[in-house]
């Protein structure tokens, strides 16, 4: 597989309130790898690859608060961690994570924290 096998990706995505964010390099799904030392490719474990796909799904959601959500993976269970400003976003994070192939169970440990501006 090479880059010409995939459609061109946009260079930016629309973020929260009209902000534009650069889009990183897209990789084919069957090649889970990260850059290693001396430009070698290091294969990810199944858990690392699943975690990366869940985090990518949260970032692509279009909700700025979900880009800050963290997750851990234990087997086929994804554990969402961090805080979001509303119960609606807590539920959306779970929905976006559940849509990722390979996710069987989700433990939603997100806290709802409505901090007032200083």
PDB file of N, CA and C in Angstrom:
ATOM      1  N   UNK A   1       0.825  -1.178   0.000  1.00  0.00           N
ATOM      2  CA  UNK A   1       0.000   0.000   0.000  1.00  0.00           C
ATOM      3  C   UNK A   1       0.869   1.241   0.000  1.00  0.00           C
ATOM      4  N   UNK A   2       0.445   2.223  -0.740  1.00  0.00           N
ATOM      5  CA  UNK A   2       1.165   3.486  -0.715  1.00  0.00           C
ATOM      6  C   UNK A   2       0.174   4.631  -0.645  1.00  0.00           C
ATOM      7  N   UNK A   3       0.661   5.841  -0.566  1.00  0.00           N
ATOM      8  CA  UNK A   3      -0.192   7.013  -0.356  1.00  0.00           C
ATOM      9  C   UNK A   3      -1.198   7.215  -1.477  1.00  0.00           C
ATOM     10  N   UNK A   4      -0.894   6.776  -2.697  1.00  0.00           N
ATOM     11  CA  UNK A   4      -1.818   6.985  -3.803  1.00  0.00           C
ATOM     12  C   UNK A   4      -3.049   6.085  -3.712  1.00  0.00           C
ATOM     13  N   UNK A   5      -3.037   5.078  -2.810  1.00  0.00           N
ATOM     14  CA  UNK A   5      -4.188   4.200  -2.625  1.00  0.00           C
ATOM     15  C   UNK A   5      -5.299   4.843  -1.815  1.00  0.00           C
ATOM     16  N   UNK A   6      -5.040   5.995  -1.230  1.00  0.00           N
ATOM     17  CA  UNK A   6      -6.002   6.647  -0.359  1.00  0.00           C
ATOM     18  C   UNK A   6      -6.373   8.012  -0.907  1.00  0.00           C
ATOM     19  N   UNK A   7      -7.633   8.444  -0.676  1.00  0.00           N
ATOM     20  CA  UNK A   7      -8.018   9.787  -1.125  1.00  0.00           C
ATOM     21  C   UNK A   7      -7.251  10.843  -0.345  1.00  0.00           C
ATOM     22  N   UNK A   8      -7.064  11.982  -0.953  1.00  0.00           N
ATOM     23  CA  UNK A   8      -6.342  13.075  -0.296  1.00  0.00           C
ATOM     24  C   UNK A   8      -7.118  13.530   0.925  1.00  0.00           C
ATOM     25  N   UNK A   9      -6.416  13.737   2.018  1.00  0.00           N
ATOM     26  CA  UNK A   9      -7.035  14.195   3.258  1.00  0.00           C
ATOM     27  C   UNK A   9      -6.957  15.710   3.320  1.00  0.00           C
ATOM     28  N   UNK A  10      -7.924  16.339   3.973  1.00  0.00           N
ATOM     29  CA  UNK A  10      -7.851  17.794   4.123  1.00  0.00           C
ATOM     30  C   UNK A  10      -6.653  18.181   4.976  1.00  0.00           C
ATOM     31  N   UNK A  11      -6.122  19.362   4.748  1.00  0.00           N
ATOM     32  CA  UNK A  11      -4.953  19.785   5.515  1.00  0.00           C
ATOM     33  C   UNK A  11      -5.337  20.358   6.869  1.00  0.00           C
ATOM     34  N   UNK A  12      -6.588  20.760   7.021  1.00  0.00           N
ATOM     35  CA  UNK A  12      -7.066  21.244   8.315  1.00  0.00           C
ATOM     36  C   UNK A  12      -8.475  20.736   8.548  1.00  0.00           C
ATOM     37  N   UNK A  13      -8.871  20.745   9.801  1.00  0.00           N
ATOM     38  CA  UNK A  13     -10.251  20.429  10.137  1.00  0.00           C
ATOM     39  C   UNK A  13     -10.822  21.611  10.874  1.00  0.00           C
ATOM     40  N   UNK A  14     -12.100  21.794  10.759  1.00  0.00           N
ATOM     41  CA  UNK A  14     -12.750  22.865  11.483  1.00  0.00           C
ATOM     42  C   UNK A  14     -12.843  22.475  12.932  1.00  0.00           C
ATOM     43  N   UNK A  15     -12.363  23.286  13.789  1.00  0.00           N
ATOM     44  CA  UNK A  15     -12.397  22.991  15.212  1.00  0.00           C
ATOM     45  C   UNK A  15     -13.499  23.757  15.915  1.00  0.00           C
ATOM     46  N   UNK A  16     -13.369  23.879  17.184  1.00  0.00           N
ATOM     47  CA  UNK A  16     -14.342  24.547  18.021  1.00  0.00           C
ATOM     48  C   UNK A  16     -14.420  26.027  17.689  1.00  0.00           C
ATOM     49  N   UNK A  17     -15.615  26.514  17.453  1.00  0.00           N
ATOM     50  CA  UNK A  17     -15.884  27.922  17.158  1.00  0.00           C
ATOM     51  C   UNK A  17     -15.046  28.453  15.996  1.00  0.00           C
ATOM     52  N   UNK A  18     -14.939  27.670  14.936  1.00  0.00           N
ATOM     53  CA  UNK A  18     -14.298  28.134  13.724  1.00  0.00           C
ATOM     54  C   UNK A  18     -12.794  28.022  13.690  1.00  0.00           C
ATOM     55  N   UNK A  19     -12.166  27.546  14.749  1.00  0.00           N
ATOM     56  CA  UNK A  19     -10.709  27.410  14.745  1.00  0.00           C
ATOM     57  C   UNK A  19     -10.321  26.256  13.828  1.00  0.00           C
ATOM     58  N   UNK A  20      -9.208  26.367  13.161  1.00  0.00           N
ATOM     59  CA  UNK A  20      -8.731  25.298  12.287  1.00  0.00           C
ATOM     60  C   UNK A  20      -7.548  24.610  12.935  1.00  0.00           C
ATOM     61  N   UNK A  21      -7.542  23.298  12.842  1.00  0.00           N
ATOM     62  CA  UNK A  21      -6.475  22.500  13.411  1.00  0.00           C
ATOM     63  C   UNK A  21      -5.822  21.695  12.303  1.00  0.00           C
ATOM     64  N   UNK A  22      -4.481  21.564  12.302  1.00  0.00           N
ATOM     65  CA  UNK A  22      -3.841  20.757  11.265  1.00  0.00           C
ATOM     66  C   UNK A  22      -4.177  19.285  11.446  1.00  0.00           C
ATOM     67  N   UNK A  23      -4.277  18.593  10.352  1.00  0.00           N
ATOM     68  CA  UNK A  23      -4.558  17.171  10.380  1.00  0.00           C
ATOM     69  C   UNK A  23      -3.244  16.431  10.214  1.00  0.00           C
ATOM     70  N   UNK A  24      -2.985  15.462  11.075  1.00  0.00           N
ATOM     71  CA  UNK A  24      -1.755  14.687  10.987  1.00  0.00           C
ATOM     72  C   UNK A  24      -1.813  13.690   9.843  1.00  0.00           C
ATOM     73  N   UNK A  25      -0.722  13.018   9.645  1.00  0.00           N
ATOM     74  CA  UNK A  25      -0.658  12.017   8.586  1.00  0.00           C
ATOM     75  C   UNK A  25      -1.638  10.890   8.879  1.00  0.00           C
ATOM     76  N   UNK A  26      -2.398  10.498   7.886  1.00  0.00           N
ATOM     77  CA  UNK A  26      -3.345   9.396   8.037  1.00  0.00           C
ATOM     78  C   UNK A  26      -2.660   8.099   7.634  1.00  0.00           C
ATOM     79  N   UNK A  27      -2.883   7.039   8.416  1.00  0.00           N
ATOM     80  CA  UNK A  27      -2.279   5.750   8.126  1.00  0.00           C
ATOM     81  C   UNK A  27      -3.389   4.760   7.795  1.00  0.00           C
ATOM     82  N   UNK A  28      -3.103   3.835   6.901  1.00  0.00           N
ATOM     83  CA  UNK A  28      -4.068   2.768   6.655  1.00  0.00           C
ATOM     84  C   UNK A  28      -4.305   1.999   7.946  1.00  0.00           C
ATOM     85  N   UNK A  29      -5.480   1.503   8.118  1.00  0.00           N
ATOM     86  CA  UNK A  29      -5.858   0.855   9.350  1.00  0.00           C
ATOM     87  C   UNK A  29      -5.043  -0.402   9.640  1.00  0.00           C
ATOM     88  N   UNK A  30      -4.610  -1.104   8.612  1.00  0.00           N
ATOM     89  CA  UNK A  30      -3.902  -2.346   8.843  1.00  0.00           C
ATOM     90  C   UNK A  30      -2.406  -2.147   9.081  1.00  0.00           C
ATOM     91  N   UNK A  31      -1.961  -0.904   9.193  1.00  0.00           N
ATOM     92  CA  UNK A  31      -0.556  -0.643   9.447  1.00  0.00           C
ATOM     93  C   UNK A  31      -0.372   0.186  10.717  1.00  0.00           C
ATOM     94  N   UNK A  32      -0.734  -0.343  11.888  1.00  0.00           N
ATOM     95  CA  UNK A  32      -0.565   0.427  13.114  1.00  0.00           C
ATOM     96  C   UNK A  32       0.910   0.514  13.480  1.00  0.00           C
ATOM     97  N   UNK A  33       1.494   1.675  13.282  1.00  0.00           N
ATOM     98  CA  UNK A  33       2.906   1.845  13.590  1.00  0.00           C
ATOM     99  C   UNK A  33       3.161   3.288  13.988  1.00  0.00           C
ATOM    100  N   UNK A  34       4.216   3.480  14.748  1.00  0.00           N
ATOM    101  CA  UNK A  34       4.645   4.826  15.118  1.00  0.00           C
ATOM    102  C   UNK A  34       6.118   4.956  14.778  1.00  0.00           C
ATOM    103  N   UNK A  35       6.554   6.196  14.599  1.00  0.00           N
ATOM    104  CA  UNK A  35       7.967   6.408  14.280  1.00  0.00           C
ATOM    105  C   UNK A  35       8.815   6.032  15.487  1.00  0.00           C
ATOM    106  N   UNK A  36       9.838   5.282  15.259  1.00  0.00           N
ATOM    107  CA  UNK A  36      10.739   4.870  16.328  1.00  0.00           C
ATOM    108  C   UNK A  36      12.073   5.573  16.185  1.00  0.00           C
ATOM    109  N   UNK A  37      13.056   5.142  16.931  1.00  0.00           N
ATOM    110  CA  UNK A  37      14.403   5.709  16.836  1.00  0.00           C
ATOM    111  C   UNK A  37      14.975   5.445  15.457  1.00  0.00           C
ATOM    112  N   UNK A  38      15.741   6.381  14.974  1.00  0.00           N
ATOM    113  CA  UNK A  38      16.424   6.273  13.680  1.00  0.00           C
ATOM    114  C   UNK A  38      15.425   6.001  12.549  1.00  0.00           C
ATOM    115  N   UNK A  39      14.229   6.602  12.653  1.00  0.00           N
ATOM    116  CA  UNK A  39      13.192   6.493  11.628  1.00  0.00           C
ATOM    117  C   UNK A  39      12.731   5.066  11.359  1.00  0.00           C
ATOM    118  N   UNK A  40      12.897   4.172  12.309  1.00  0.00           N
ATOM    119  CA  UNK A  40      12.364   2.820  12.172  1.00  0.00           C
ATOM    120  C   UNK A  40      10.901   2.833  12.556  1.00  0.00           C
ATOM    121  N   UNK A  41      10.133   1.941  11.980  1.00  0.00           N
ATOM    122  CA  UNK A  41       8.730   1.805  12.339  1.00  0.00           C
ATOM    123  C   UNK A  41       8.604   0.746  13.426  1.00  0.00           C
ATOM    124  N   UNK A  42       7.869   1.064  14.480  1.00  0.00           N
ATOM    125  CA  UNK A  42       7.665   0.154  15.595  1.00  0.00           C
ATOM    126  C   UNK A  42       6.204  -0.269  15.574  1.00  0.00           C
ATOM    127  N   UNK A  43       5.967  -1.554  15.565  1.00  0.00           N
ATOM    128  CA  UNK A  43       4.596  -2.059  15.575  1.00  0.00           C
ATOM    129  C   UNK A  43       3.976  -1.836  16.946  1.00  0.00           C
ATOM    130  N   UNK A  44       2.721  -1.416  16.941  1.00  0.00           N
ATOM    131  CA  UNK A  44       1.986  -1.219  18.180  1.00  0.00           C
ATOM    132  C   UNK A  44       1.342  -2.527  18.613  1.00  0.00           C
ATOM    133  N   UNK A  45       1.133  -2.671  19.915  1.00  0.00           N
ATOM    134  CA  UNK A  45       0.367  -3.809  20.404  1.00  0.00           C
ATOM    135  C   UNK A  45      -1.097  -3.556  20.075  1.00  0.00           C
ATOM    136  N   UNK A  46      -1.913  -4.582  20.200  1.00  0.00           N
ATOM    137  CA  UNK A  46      -3.343  -4.433  19.926  1.00  0.00           C
ATOM    138  C   UNK A  46      -3.965  -3.368  20.834  1.00  0.00           C
ATOM    139  N   UNK A  47      -3.582  -3.358  22.108  1.00  0.00           N
ATOM    140  CA  UNK A  47      -4.116  -2.379  23.057  1.00  0.00           C
ATOM    141  C   UNK A  47      -3.694  -0.955  22.691  1.00  0.00           C
ATOM    142  N   UNK A  48      -2.433  -0.787  22.294  1.00  0.00           N
ATOM    143  CA  UNK A  48      -1.950   0.536  21.907  1.00  0.00           C
ATOM    144  C   UNK A  48      -2.647   1.031  20.647  1.00  0.00           C
ATOM    145  N   UNK A  49      -2.861   0.125  19.701  1.00  0.00           N
ATOM    146  CA  UNK A  49      -3.532   0.500  18.463  1.00  0.00           C
ATOM    147  C   UNK A  49      -4.989   0.868  18.729  1.00  0.00           C
ATOM    148  N   UNK A  50      -5.677   0.100  19.589  1.00  0.00           N
ATOM    149  CA  UNK A  50      -7.066   0.396  19.927  1.00  0.00           C
ATOM    150  C   UNK A  50      -7.156   1.739  20.648  1.00  0.00           C
ATOM    151  N   UNK A  51      -6.239   1.989  21.563  1.00  0.00           N
ATOM    152  CA  UNK A  51      -6.206   3.274  22.285  1.00  0.00           C
ATOM    153  C   UNK A  51      -6.016   4.427  21.303  1.00  0.00           C
ATOM    154  N   UNK A  52      -5.103   4.279  20.366  1.00  0.00           N
ATOM    155  CA  UNK A  52      -4.844   5.332  19.382  1.00  0.00           C
ATOM    156  C   UNK A  52      -6.083   5.597  18.525  1.00  0.00           C
ATOM    157  N   UNK A  53      -6.802   4.531  18.149  1.00  0.00           N
ATOM    158  CA  UNK A  53      -8.007   4.714  17.323  1.00  0.00           C
ATOM    159  C   UNK A  53      -9.128   5.378  18.110  1.00  0.00           C
ATOM    160  N   UNK A  54      -9.265   5.037  19.394  1.00  0.00           N
ATOM    161  CA  UNK A  54     -10.290   5.686  20.225  1.00  0.00           C
ATOM    162  C   UNK A  54      -9.971   7.170  20.395  1.00  0.00           C
ATOM    163  N   UNK A  55      -8.714   7.487  20.716  1.00  0.00           N
ATOM    164  CA  UNK A  55      -8.328   8.893  20.875  1.00  0.00           C
ATOM    165  C   UNK A  55      -8.518   9.673  19.576  1.00  0.00           C
ATOM    166  N   UNK A  56      -8.208   9.054  18.451  1.00  0.00           N
ATOM    167  CA  UNK A  56      -8.406   9.712  17.155  1.00  0.00           C
ATOM    168  C   UNK A  56      -9.889   9.975  16.905  1.00  0.00           C
ATOM    169  N   UNK A  57     -10.744   9.024  17.259  1.00  0.00           N
ATOM    170  CA  UNK A  57     -12.188   9.204  17.082  1.00  0.00           C
ATOM    171  C   UNK A  57     -12.697  10.359  17.943  1.00  0.00           C
ATOM    172  N   UNK A  58     -12.194  10.477  19.162  1.00  0.00           N
ATOM    173  CA  UNK A  58     -12.606  11.568  20.040  1.00  0.00           C
ATOM    174  C   UNK A  58     -12.141  12.915  19.488  1.00  0.00           C
ATOM    175  N   UNK A  59     -10.927  12.942  18.942  1.00  0.00           N
ATOM    176  CA  UNK A  59     -10.417  14.190  18.366  1.00  0.00           C
ATOM    177  C   UNK A  59     -11.186  14.599  17.113  1.00  0.00           C
ATOM    178  N   UNK A  60     -11.615  13.623  16.329  1.00  0.00           N
ATOM    179  CA  UNK A  60     -12.358  13.912  15.102  1.00  0.00           C
ATOM    180  C   UNK A  60     -13.821  14.238  15.361  1.00  0.00           C
ATOM    181  N   UNK A  61     -14.270  14.121  16.595  1.00  0.00           N
ATOM    182  CA  UNK A  61     -15.692  14.281  16.911  1.00  0.00           C
ATOM    183  C   UNK A  61     -16.230  15.675  16.619  1.00  0.00           C
ATOM    184  N   UNK A  62     -15.371  16.680  16.619  1.00  0.00           N
ATOM    185  CA  UNK A  62     -15.832  18.047  16.414  1.00  0.00           C
ATOM    186  C   UNK A  62     -16.130  18.774  17.716  1.00  0.00           C
ATOM    187  N   UNK A  63     -15.999  18.083  18.841  1.00  0.00           N
ATOM    188  CA  UNK A  63     -16.215  18.687  20.154  1.00  0.00           C
ATOM    189  C   UNK A  63     -14.852  18.902  20.797  1.00  0.00           C
ATOM    190  N   UNK A  64     -14.492  20.163  21.011  1.00  0.00           N
ATOM    191  CA  UNK A  64     -13.158  20.489  21.535  1.00  0.00           C
ATOM    192  C   UNK A  64     -12.885  19.816  22.877  1.00  0.00           C
ATOM    193  N   UNK A  65     -13.868  19.730  23.733  1.00  0.00           N
ATOM    194  CA  UNK A  65     -13.669  19.125  25.059  1.00  0.00           C
ATOM    195  C   UNK A  65     -13.293  17.657  24.970  1.00  0.00           C
ATOM    196  N   UNK A  66     -13.750  16.966  23.937  1.00  0.00           N
ATOM    197  CA  UNK A  66     -13.456  15.532  23.820  1.00  0.00           C
ATOM    198  C   UNK A  66     -12.027  15.273  23.374  1.00  0.00           C
ATOM    199  N   UNK A  67     -11.373  16.284  22.806  1.00  0.00           N
ATOM    200  CA  UNK A  67      -9.980  16.124  22.401  1.00  0.00           C
ATOM    201  C   UNK A  67      -9.067  15.975  23.620  1.00  0.00           C
ATOM    202  N   UNK A  68      -9.543  16.361  24.794  1.00  0.00           N
ATOM    203  CA  UNK A  68      -8.749  16.288  26.023  1.00  0.00           C
ATOM    204  C   UNK A  68      -9.056  15.049  26.847  1.00  0.00           C
ATOM    205  N   UNK A  69      -9.959  14.213  26.381  1.00  0.00           N
ATOM    206  CA  UNK A  69     -10.316  12.997  27.102  1.00  0.00           C
ATOM    207  C   UNK A  69      -9.200  11.976  26.922  1.00  0.00           C
ATOM    208  N   UNK A  70      -8.850  11.302  28.000  1.00  0.00           N
ATOM    209  CA  UNK A  70      -7.837  10.253  27.944  1.00  0.00           C
ATOM    210  C   UNK A  70      -8.490   8.886  28.005  1.00  0.00           C
ATOM    211  N   UNK A  71      -7.732   7.878  27.649  1.00  0.00           N
ATOM    212  CA  UNK A  71      -8.278   6.528  27.774  1.00  0.00           C
ATOM    213  C   UNK A  71      -7.171   5.520  28.004  1.00  0.00           C
ATOM    214  N   UNK A  72      -7.533   4.434  28.654  1.00  0.00           N
ATOM    215  CA  UNK A  72      -6.680   3.270  28.839  1.00  0.00           C
ATOM    216  C   UNK A  72      -7.413   2.087  28.235  1.00  0.00           C
ATOM    217  N   UNK A  73      -6.669   1.093  27.834  1.00  0.00           N
ATOM    218  CA  UNK A  73      -7.269  -0.112  27.267  1.00  0.00           C
ATOM    219  C   UNK A  73      -6.742  -1.312  28.029  1.00  0.00           C
ATOM    220  N   UNK A  74      -7.663  -2.147  28.473  1.00  0.00           N
ATOM    221  CA  UNK A  74      -7.323  -3.404  29.145  1.00  0.00           C
ATOM    222  C   UNK A  74      -8.096  -4.500  28.421  1.00  0.00           C
ATOM    223  N   UNK A  75      -7.398  -5.234  27.577  1.00  0.00           N
ATOM    224  CA  UNK A  75      -8.063  -6.259  26.771  1.00  0.00           C
ATOM    225  C   UNK A  75      -8.966  -5.590  25.750  1.00  0.00           C
ATOM    226  N   UNK A  76     -10.255  -5.907  25.828  1.00  0.00           N
ATOM    227  CA  UNK A  76     -11.219  -5.286  24.909  1.00  0.00           C
ATOM    228  C   UNK A  76     -12.027  -4.180  25.592  1.00  0.00           C
ATOM    229  N   UNK A  77     -11.618  -3.802  26.805  1.00  0.00           N
ATOM    230  CA  UNK A  77     -12.321  -2.761  27.553  1.00  0.00           C
ATOM    231  C   UNK A  77     -11.568  -1.440  27.459  1.00  0.00           C
ATOM    232  N   UNK A  78     -12.302  -0.386  27.120  1.00  0.00           N
ATOM    233  CA  UNK A  78     -11.759   0.963  27.046  1.00  0.00           C
ATOM    234  C   UNK A  78     -12.232   1.721  28.278  1.00  0.00           C
ATOM    235  N   UNK A  79     -11.308   2.385  28.959  1.00  0.00           N
ATOM    236  CA  UNK A  79     -11.646   3.181  30.139  1.00  0.00           C
ATOM    237  C   UNK A  79     -11.419   4.640  29.791  1.00  0.00           C
ATOM    238  N   UNK A  80     -12.504   5.425  29.750  1.00  0.00           N
ATOM    239  CA  UNK A  80     -12.425   6.856  29.455  1.00  0.00           C
ATOM    240  C   UNK A  80     -12.138   7.603  30.743  1.00  0.00           C
ATOM    241  N   UNK A  81     -11.173   8.558  30.686  1.00  0.00           N
ATOM    242  CA  UNK A  81     -10.751   9.288  31.879  1.00  0.00           C
ATOM    243  C   UNK A  81     -10.648  10.775  31.578  1.00  0.00           C
ATOM    244  N   UNK A  82     -10.771  11.581  32.615  1.00  0.00           N
ATOM    245  CA  UNK A  82     -10.630  13.024  32.481  1.00  0.00           C
ATOM    246  C   UNK A  82     -11.904  13.724  32.909  1.00  0.00           C
ATOM    247  N   UNK A  83     -12.072  14.952  32.418  1.00  0.00           N
ATOM    248  CA  UNK A  83     -13.286  15.692  32.767  1.00  0.00           C
ATOM    249  C   UNK A  83     -13.820  16.409  31.534  1.00  0.00           C
ATOM    250  N   UNK A  84     -15.118  16.567  31.521  1.00  0.00           N
ATOM    251  CA  UNK A  84     -15.831  17.276  30.463  1.00  0.00           C
ATOM    252  C   UNK A  84     -16.808  18.235  31.124  1.00  0.00           C
ATOM    253  N   UNK A  85     -17.251  19.292  30.419  1.00  0.00           N
ATOM    254  CA  UNK A  85     -18.106  20.292  31.049  1.00  0.00           C
ATOM    255  C   UNK A  85     -19.582  19.933  31.165  1.00  0.00           C
ATOM    256  N   UNK A  86     -20.033  18.814  30.576  1.00  0.00           N
ATOM    257  CA  UNK A  86     -21.461  18.484  30.675  1.00  0.00           C
ATOM    258  C   UNK A  86     -21.687  16.974  30.592  1.00  0.00           C
ATOM    259  N   UNK A  87     -22.849  16.546  31.079  1.00  0.00           N
ATOM    260  CA  UNK A  87     -23.212  15.134  31.001  1.00  0.00           C
ATOM    261  C   UNK A  87     -23.445  14.729  29.548  1.00  0.00           C
ATOM    262  N   UNK A  88     -23.899  15.660  28.735  1.00  0.00           N
ATOM    263  CA  UNK A  88     -24.086  15.397  27.310  1.00  0.00           C
ATOM    264  C   UNK A  88     -22.751  15.000  26.663  1.00  0.00           C
ATOM    265  N   UNK A  89     -21.688  15.738  26.946  1.00  0.00           N
ATOM    266  CA  UNK A  89     -20.379  15.416  26.382  1.00  0.00           C
ATOM    267  C   UNK A  89     -19.824  14.115  26.950  1.00  0.00           C
ATOM    268  N   UNK A  90     -20.145  13.819  28.190  1.00  0.00           N
ATOM    269  CA  UNK A  90     -19.721  12.548  28.776  1.00  0.00           C
ATOM    270  C   UNK A  90     -20.337  11.391  27.996  1.00  0.00           C
ATOM    271  N   UNK A  91     -21.627  11.509  27.688  1.00  0.00           N
ATOM    272  CA  UNK A  91     -22.311  10.470  26.922  1.00  0.00           C
ATOM    273  C   UNK A  91     -21.789  10.403  25.487  1.00  0.00           C
ATOM    274  N   UNK A  92     -21.543  11.568  24.862  1.00  0.00           N
ATOM    275  CA  UNK A  92     -21.022  11.581  23.498  1.00  0.00           C
ATOM    276  C   UNK A  92     -19.659  10.912  23.403  1.00  0.00           C
ATOM    277  N   UNK A  93     -18.802  11.135  24.402  1.00  0.00           N
ATOM    278  CA  UNK A  93     -17.489  10.496  24.401  1.00  0.00           C
ATOM    279  C   UNK A  93     -17.648   8.980  24.374  1.00  0.00           C
ATOM    280  N   UNK A  94     -18.586   8.479  25.128  1.00  0.00           N
ATOM    281  CA  UNK A  94     -18.839   7.041  25.171  1.00  0.00           C
ATOM    282  C   UNK A  94     -19.358   6.545  23.821  1.00  0.00           C
ATOM    283  N   UNK A  95     -20.244   7.319  23.195  1.00  0.00           N
ATOM    284  CA  UNK A  95     -20.791   6.936  21.892  1.00  0.00           C
ATOM    285  C   UNK A  95     -19.690   6.888  20.832  1.00  0.00           C
ATOM    286  N   UNK A  96     -18.842   7.917  20.777  1.00  0.00           N
ATOM    287  CA  UNK A  96     -17.769   7.945  19.791  1.00  0.00           C
ATOM    288  C   UNK A  96     -16.777   6.803  20.021  1.00  0.00           C
ATOM    289  N   UNK A  97     -16.472   6.496  21.269  1.00  0.00           N
ATOM    290  CA  UNK A  97     -15.549   5.395  21.564  1.00  0.00           C
ATOM    291  C   UNK A  97     -16.172   4.051  21.189  1.00  0.00           C
ATOM    292  N   UNK A  98     -17.461   3.879  21.428  1.00  0.00           N
ATOM    293  CA  UNK A  98     -18.140   2.611  21.136  1.00  0.00           C
ATOM    294  C   UNK A  98     -18.164   2.318  19.638  1.00  0.00           C
ATOM    295  N   UNK A  99     -18.136   3.347  18.813  1.00  0.00           N
ATOM    296  CA  UNK A  99     -18.175   3.171  17.359  1.00  0.00           C
ATOM    297  C   UNK A  99     -16.860   2.659  16.772  1.00  0.00           C
ATOM    298  N   UNK A 100     -15.799   2.660  17.554  1.00  0.00           N
ATOM    299  CA  UNK A 100     -14.489   2.212  17.069  1.00  0.00           C
ATOM    300  C   UNK A 100     -14.476   0.688  17.026  1.00  0.00           C
ATOM    301  N   UNK A 101     -14.054   0.141  15.883  1.00  0.00           N
ATOM    302  CA  UNK A 101     -13.954  -1.312  15.745  1.00  0.00           C
ATOM    303  C   UNK A 101     -13.007  -1.881  16.789  1.00  0.00           C
ATOM    304  N   UNK A 102     -13.423  -2.963  17.428  1.00  0.00           N
ATOM    305  CA  UNK A 102     -12.588  -3.623  18.423  1.00  0.00           C
ATOM    306  C   UNK A 102     -12.958  -3.288  19.851  1.00  0.00           C
ATOM    307  N   UNK A 103     -13.755  -2.244  20.051  1.00  0.00           N
ATOM    308  CA  UNK A 103     -14.189  -1.872  21.400  1.00  0.00           C
ATOM    309  C   UNK A 103     -15.388  -2.740  21.765  1.00  0.00           C
ATOM    310  N   UNK A 104     -15.244  -3.524  22.818  1.00  0.00           N
ATOM    311  CA  UNK A 104     -16.330  -4.389  23.269  1.00  0.00           C
ATOM    312  C   UNK A 104     -17.046  -3.813  24.488  1.00  0.00           C
ATOM    313  N   UNK A 105     -16.277  -3.231  25.401  1.00  0.00           N
ATOM    314  CA  UNK A 105     -16.855  -2.678  26.625  1.00  0.00           C
ATOM    315  C   UNK A 105     -16.224  -1.325  26.909  1.00  0.00           C
ATOM    316  N   UNK A 106     -17.006  -0.444  27.530  1.00  0.00           N
ATOM    317  CA  UNK A 106     -16.492   0.875  27.903  1.00  0.00           C
ATOM    318  C   UNK A 106     -16.813   1.123  29.364  1.00  0.00           C
ATOM    319  N   UNK A 107     -15.808   1.589  30.086  1.00  0.00           N
ATOM    320  CA  UNK A 107     -16.012   2.058  31.453  1.00  0.00           C
ATOM    321  C   UNK A 107     -15.831   3.570  31.391  1.00  0.00           C
ATOM    322  N   UNK A 108     -16.896   4.301  31.578  1.00  0.00           N
ATOM    323  CA  UNK A 108     -16.869   5.754  31.439  1.00  0.00           C
ATOM    324  C   UNK A 108     -16.590   6.383  32.803  1.00  0.00           C
ATOM    325  N   UNK A 109     -15.338   6.739  33.043  1.00  0.00           N
ATOM    326  CA  UNK A 109     -14.924   7.352  34.307  1.00  0.00           C
ATOM    327  C   UNK A 109     -14.766   8.863  34.170  1.00  0.00           C
ATOM    328  N   UNK A 110     -15.354   9.438  33.131  1.00  0.00           N
ATOM    329  CA  UNK A 110     -15.263  10.888  32.944  1.00  0.00           C
ATOM    330  C   UNK A 110     -16.021  11.602  34.051  1.00  0.00           C
ATOM    331  N   UNK A 111     -15.446  12.691  34.537  1.00  0.00           N
ATOM    332  CA  UNK A 111     -16.112  13.520  35.543  1.00  0.00           C
ATOM    333  C   UNK A 111     -16.691  14.740  34.853  1.00  0.00           C
ATOM    334  N   UNK A 112     -17.833  15.165  35.316  1.00  0.00           N
ATOM    335  CA  UNK A 112     -18.446  16.392  34.801  1.00  0.00           C
ATOM    336  C   UNK A 112     -18.036  17.511  35.735  1.00  0.00           C
ATOM    337  N   UNK A 113     -17.331  18.488  35.175  1.00  0.00           N
ATOM    338  CA  UNK A 113     -16.813  19.597  35.962  1.00  0.00           C
ATOM    339  C   UNK A 113     -17.094  20.896  35.231  1.00  0.00           C
ATOM    340  N   UNK A 114     -17.977  21.678  35.778  1.00  0.00           N
ATOM    341  CA  UNK A 114     -18.307  22.964  35.169  1.00  0.00           C
ATOM    342  C   UNK A 114     -17.548  24.061  35.906  1.00  0.00           C
ATOM    343  N   UNK A 115     -16.338  24.298  35.440  1.00  0.00           N
ATOM    344  CA  UNK A 115     -15.522  25.346  36.055  1.00  0.00           C
ATOM    345  C   UNK A 115     -15.964  26.700  35.517  1.00  0.00           C
ATOM    346  N   UNK A 116     -16.108  27.636  36.407  1.00  0.00           N
ATOM    347  CA  UNK A 116     -16.492  28.988  35.998  1.00  0.00           C
ATOM    348  C   UNK A 116     -15.251  29.764  35.550  1.00  0.00           C
ATOM    349  N   UNK A 117     -15.403  30.579  34.497  1.00  0.00           N
ATOM    350  CA  UNK A 117     -14.251  31.381  34.051  1.00  0.00           C
ATOM    351  C   UNK A 117     -13.764  32.313  35.167  1.00  0.00           C
ATOM    352  N   UNK A 118     -12.463  32.479  35.243  1.00  0.00           N
ATOM    353  CA  UNK A 118     -11.874  33.336  36.288  1.00  0.00           C
ATOM    354  C   UNK A 118     -12.008  34.796  35.962  1.00  0.00           C
TER     355      UNK A 118
END
